[in-house]
Amino acid sequence: MDFGLARDDHDLAEFLRRAGLDDADQLVSGDSPIIQWRGGRAHEYEAGGG
């Protein structure tokens, strides 16, 4: 399922809500082990090329 590109924690929480997770805000802000951050540090978003 492709929800798009998260540009901040709010976007990520919205994607998780759309996937059916009711506690999305807590998962994102609480550094949940079910979220795997790739390409950088947690909660840091960079504009990607392409």
PDB file of N, CA and C in Angstrom:
ATOM      1  N   MET A   1       0.843  -1.166   0.000  1.00  0.00           N
ATOM      2  CA  MET A   1       0.000   0.000   0.000  1.00  0.00           C
ATOM      3  C   MET A   1       0.899   1.243   0.000  1.00  0.00           C
ATOM      4  N   ASP A   2       0.659   2.158  -0.918  1.00  0.00           N
ATOM      5  CA  ASP A   2       1.459   3.369  -1.008  1.00  0.00           C
ATOM      6  C   ASP A   2       0.638   4.556  -0.541  1.00  0.00           C
ATOM      7  N   PHE A   3       1.062   5.168   0.558  1.00  0.00           N
ATOM      8  CA  PHE A   3       0.344   6.319   1.091  1.00  0.00           C
ATOM      9  C   PHE A   3       0.955   7.639   0.664  1.00  0.00           C
ATOM     10  N   GLY A   4       2.155   7.615   0.102  1.00  0.00           N
ATOM     11  CA  GLY A   4       2.828   8.843  -0.294  1.00  0.00           C
ATOM     12  C   GLY A   4       4.116   9.044   0.474  1.00  0.00           C
ATOM     13  N   LEU A   5       4.567  10.278   0.495  1.00  0.00           N
ATOM     14  CA  LEU A   5       5.828  10.638   1.132  1.00  0.00           C
ATOM     15  C   LEU A   5       5.554  11.462   2.375  1.00  0.00           C
ATOM     16  N   ALA A   6       6.062  11.007   3.510  1.00  0.00           N
ATOM     17  CA  ALA A   6       5.917  11.759   4.760  1.00  0.00           C
ATOM     18  C   ALA A   6       6.967  12.863   4.792  1.00  0.00           C
ATOM     19  N   ARG A   7       6.510  14.078   5.037  1.00  0.00           N
ATOM     20  CA  ARG A   7       7.415  15.225   5.122  1.00  0.00           C
ATOM     21  C   ARG A   7       7.634  15.695   6.560  1.00  0.00           C
ATOM     22  N   ASP A   8       6.852  15.109   7.474  1.00  0.00           N
ATOM     23  CA  ASP A   8       7.005  15.422   8.894  1.00  0.00           C
ATOM     24  C   ASP A   8       6.269  14.355   9.708  1.00  0.00           C
ATOM     25  N   ASP A   9       6.375  14.449  11.016  1.00  0.00           N
ATOM     26  CA  ASP A   9       5.746  13.455  11.885  1.00  0.00           C
ATOM     27  C   ASP A   9       4.227  13.441  11.728  1.00  0.00           C
ATOM     28  N   HIS A  10       3.633  14.592  11.477  1.00  0.00           N
ATOM     29  CA  HIS A  10       2.182  14.657  11.272  1.00  0.00           C
ATOM     30  C   HIS A  10       1.770  13.804  10.080  1.00  0.00           C
ATOM     31  N   ASP A  11       2.506  13.914   8.970  1.00  0.00           N
ATOM     32  CA  ASP A  11       2.218  13.090   7.789  1.00  0.00           C
ATOM     33  C   ASP A  11       2.331  11.602   8.116  1.00  0.00           C
ATOM     34  N   LEU A  12       3.382  11.238   8.811  1.00  0.00           N
ATOM     35  CA  LEU A  12       3.592   9.837   9.162  1.00  0.00           C
ATOM     36  C   LEU A  12       2.439   9.316  10.019  1.00  0.00           C
ATOM     37  N   ALA A  13       2.016  10.103  10.998  1.00  0.00           N
ATOM     38  CA  ALA A  13       0.900   9.698  11.850  1.00  0.00           C
ATOM     39  C   ALA A  13      -0.377   9.531  11.025  1.00  0.00           C
ATOM     40  N   GLU A  14      -0.598  10.419  10.069  1.00  0.00           N
ATOM     41  CA  GLU A  14      -1.781  10.301   9.214  1.00  0.00           C
ATOM     42  C   GLU A  14      -1.738   9.017   8.381  1.00  0.00           C
ATOM     43  N   PHE A  15      -0.578   8.687   7.842  1.00  0.00           N
ATOM     44  CA  PHE A  15      -0.437   7.446   7.069  1.00  0.00           C
ATOM     45  C   PHE A  15      -0.736   6.234   7.950  1.00  0.00           C
ATOM     46  N   LEU A  16      -0.248   6.258   9.184  1.00  0.00           N
ATOM     47  CA  LEU A  16      -0.499   5.144  10.101  1.00  0.00           C
ATOM     48  C   LEU A  16      -1.979   5.037  10.449  1.00  0.00           C
ATOM     49  N   ARG A  17      -2.657   6.194  10.624  1.00  0.00           N
ATOM     50  CA  ARG A  17      -4.100   6.172  10.873  1.00  0.00           C
ATOM     51  C   ARG A  17      -4.840   5.557   9.687  1.00  0.00           C
ATOM     52  N   ARG A  18      -4.437   5.939   8.473  1.00  0.00           N
ATOM     53  CA  ARG A  18      -5.078   5.387   7.265  1.00  0.00           C
ATOM     54  C   ARG A  18      -4.846   3.882   7.162  1.00  0.00           C
ATOM     55  N   ALA A  19      -3.759   3.407   7.747  1.00  0.00           N
ATOM     56  CA  ALA A  19      -3.470   1.969   7.746  1.00  0.00           C
ATOM     57  C   ALA A  19      -4.204   1.240   8.873  1.00  0.00           C
ATOM     58  N   GLY A  20      -4.960   1.987   9.684  1.00  0.00           N
ATOM     59  CA  GLY A  20      -5.784   1.359  10.710  1.00  0.00           C
ATOM     60  C   GLY A  20      -5.225   1.397  12.112  1.00  0.00           C
ATOM     61  N   LEU A  21      -4.166   2.142  12.356  1.00  0.00           N
ATOM     62  CA  LEU A  21      -3.587   2.222  13.700  1.00  0.00           C
ATOM     63  C   LEU A  21      -4.186   3.411  14.444  1.00  0.00           C
ATOM     64  N   ASP A  22      -4.963   3.154  15.479  1.00  0.00           N
ATOM     65  CA  ASP A  22      -5.648   4.213  16.219  1.00  0.00           C
ATOM     66  C   ASP A  22      -4.709   5.076  17.059  1.00  0.00           C
ATOM     67  N   ASP A  23      -3.619   4.514  17.517  1.00  0.00           N
ATOM     68  CA  ASP A  23      -2.692   5.234  18.397  1.00  0.00           C
ATOM     69  C   ASP A  23      -1.494   5.778  17.619  1.00  0.00           C
ATOM     70  N   ALA A  24      -1.733   6.234  16.393  1.00  0.00           N
ATOM     71  CA  ALA A  24      -0.655   6.652  15.496  1.00  0.00           C
ATOM     72  C   ALA A  24       0.203   7.770  16.076  1.00  0.00           C
ATOM     73  N   ASP A  25      -0.421   8.783  16.683  1.00  0.00           N
ATOM     74  CA  ASP A  25       0.358   9.894  17.242  1.00  0.00           C
ATOM     75  C   ASP A  25       1.315   9.419  18.323  1.00  0.00           C
ATOM     76  N   GLN A  26       0.848   8.515  19.173  1.00  0.00           N
ATOM     77  CA  GLN A  26       1.703   7.977  20.228  1.00  0.00           C
ATOM     78  C   GLN A  26       2.838   7.140  19.645  1.00  0.00           C
ATOM     79  N   LEU A  27       2.540   6.376  18.611  1.00  0.00           N
ATOM     80  CA  LEU A  27       3.574   5.549  17.985  1.00  0.00           C
ATOM     81  C   LEU A  27       4.696   6.417  17.405  1.00  0.00           C
ATOM     82  N   VAL A  28       4.317   7.496  16.747  1.00  0.00           N
ATOM     83  CA  VAL A  28       5.311   8.368  16.118  1.00  0.00           C
ATOM     84  C   VAL A  28       6.095   9.146  17.168  1.00  0.00           C
ATOM     85  N   SER A  29       5.404   9.762  18.115  1.00  0.00           N
ATOM     86  CA  SER A  29       6.093  10.606  19.096  1.00  0.00           C
ATOM     87  C   SER A  29       6.849   9.794  20.140  1.00  0.00           C
ATOM     88  N   GLY A  30       6.445   8.546  20.339  1.00  0.00           N
ATOM     89  CA  GLY A  30       7.064   7.726  21.374  1.00  0.00           C
ATOM     90  C   GLY A  30       8.198   6.844  20.901  1.00  0.00           C
ATOM     91  N   ASP A  31       8.658   7.045  19.663  1.00  0.00           N
ATOM     92  CA  ASP A  31       9.747   6.228  19.113  1.00  0.00           C
ATOM     93  C   ASP A  31       9.455   4.741  19.247  1.00  0.00           C
ATOM     94  N   SER A  32       8.320   4.346  18.739  1.00  0.00           N
ATOM     95  CA  SER A  32       7.889   2.950  18.791  1.00  0.00           C
ATOM     96  C   SER A  32       8.847   2.037  18.036  1.00  0.00           C
ATOM     97  N   PRO A  33       9.085   0.847  18.559  1.00  0.00           N
ATOM     98  CA  PRO A  33       9.951  -0.112  17.866  1.00  0.00           C
ATOM     99  C   PRO A  33       9.337  -0.650  16.574  1.00  0.00           C
ATOM    100  N   ILE A  34       8.029  -0.418  16.349  1.00  0.00           N
ATOM    101  CA  ILE A  34       7.431  -0.900  15.097  1.00  0.00           C
ATOM    102  C   ILE A  34       7.720   0.037  13.921  1.00  0.00           C
ATOM    103  N   ILE A  35       8.267   1.233  14.203  1.00  0.00           N
ATOM    104  CA  ILE A  35       8.624   2.165  13.134  1.00  0.00           C
ATOM    105  C   ILE A  35      10.114   2.067  12.878  1.00  0.00           C
ATOM    106  N   GLN A  36      10.456   1.783  11.656  1.00  0.00           N
ATOM    107  CA  GLN A  36      11.868   1.684  11.279  1.00  0.00           C
ATOM    108  C   GLN A  36      12.238   2.918  10.457  1.00  0.00           C
ATOM    109  N   TRP A  37      13.133   3.739  11.004  1.00  0.00           N
ATOM    110  CA  TRP A  37      13.575   4.948  10.325  1.00  0.00           C
ATOM    111  C   TRP A  37      14.737   4.598   9.414  1.00  0.00           C
ATOM    112  N   ARG A  38      14.676   5.035   8.173  1.00  0.00           N
ATOM    113  CA  ARG A  38      15.732   4.732   7.204  1.00  0.00           C
ATOM    114  C   ARG A  38      16.281   6.005   6.587  1.00  0.00           C
ATOM    115  N   GLY A  39      17.573   5.995   6.330  1.00  0.00           N
ATOM    116  CA  GLY A  39      18.195   7.109   5.622  1.00  0.00           C
ATOM    117  C   GLY A  39      18.491   8.318   6.473  1.00  0.00           C
ATOM    118  N   GLY A  40      18.324   8.224   7.754  1.00  0.00           N
ATOM    119  CA  GLY A  40      18.603   9.365   8.624  1.00  0.00           C
ATOM    120  C   GLY A  40      18.106   9.084  10.028  1.00  0.00           C
ATOM    121  N   ARG A  41      18.151  10.107  10.837  1.00  0.00           N
ATOM    122  CA  ARG A  41      17.715   9.977  12.226  1.00  0.00           C
ATOM    123  C   ARG A  41      16.200  10.055  12.319  1.00  0.00           C
ATOM    124  N   ALA A  42      15.680   9.503  13.385  1.00  0.00           N
ATOM    125  CA  ALA A  42      14.242   9.567  13.626  1.00  0.00           C
ATOM    126  C   ALA A  42      13.774  11.020  13.724  1.00  0.00           C
ATOM    127  N   HIS A  43      12.643  11.301  13.126  1.00  0.00           N
ATOM    128  CA  HIS A  43      11.984  12.613  13.177  1.00  0.00           C
ATOM    129  C   HIS A  43      12.701  13.679  12.356  1.00  0.00           C
ATOM    130  N   GLU A  44      13.681  13.305  11.558  1.00  0.00           N
ATOM    131  CA  GLU A  44      14.344  14.269  10.683  1.00  0.00           C
ATOM    132  C   GLU A  44      13.973  13.935   9.257  1.00  0.00           C
ATOM    133  N   TYR A  45      13.411  14.894   8.572  1.00  0.00           N
ATOM    134  CA  TYR A  45      12.945  14.700   7.203  1.00  0.00           C
ATOM    135  C   TYR A  45      13.724  15.624   6.289  1.00  0.00           C
ATOM    136  N   GLU A  46      14.102  15.091   5.162  1.00  0.00           N
ATOM    137  CA  GLU A  46      14.837  15.874   4.165  1.00  0.00           C
ATOM    138  C   GLU A  46      14.110  15.793   2.834  1.00  0.00           C
ATOM    139  N   ALA A  47      14.209  16.855   2.076  1.00  0.00           N
ATOM    140  CA  ALA A  47      13.632  16.826   0.731  1.00  0.00           C
ATOM    141  C   ALA A  47      14.447  15.871  -0.130  1.00  0.00           C
ATOM    142  N   GLY A  48      13.756  14.983  -0.808  1.00  0.00           N
ATOM    143  CA  GLY A  48      14.433  14.029  -1.675  1.00  0.00           C
ATOM    144  C   GLY A  48      14.392  14.481  -3.120  1.00  0.00           C
ATOM    145  N   GLY A  49      15.362  14.094  -3.855  1.00  0.00           N
ATOM    146  CA  GLY A  49      15.372  14.412  -5.276  1.00  0.00           C
ATOM    147  C   GLY A  49      14.578  13.406  -6.063  1.00  0.00           C
ATOM    148  N   GLY A  50      14.128  13.828  -7.249  1.00  0.00           N
ATOM    149  CA  GLY A  50      13.466  12.873  -8.107  1.00  0.00           C
ATOM    150  C   GLY A  50      12.099  13.148  -8.359  1.00  0.00           C
TER     151      GLY A  50
END
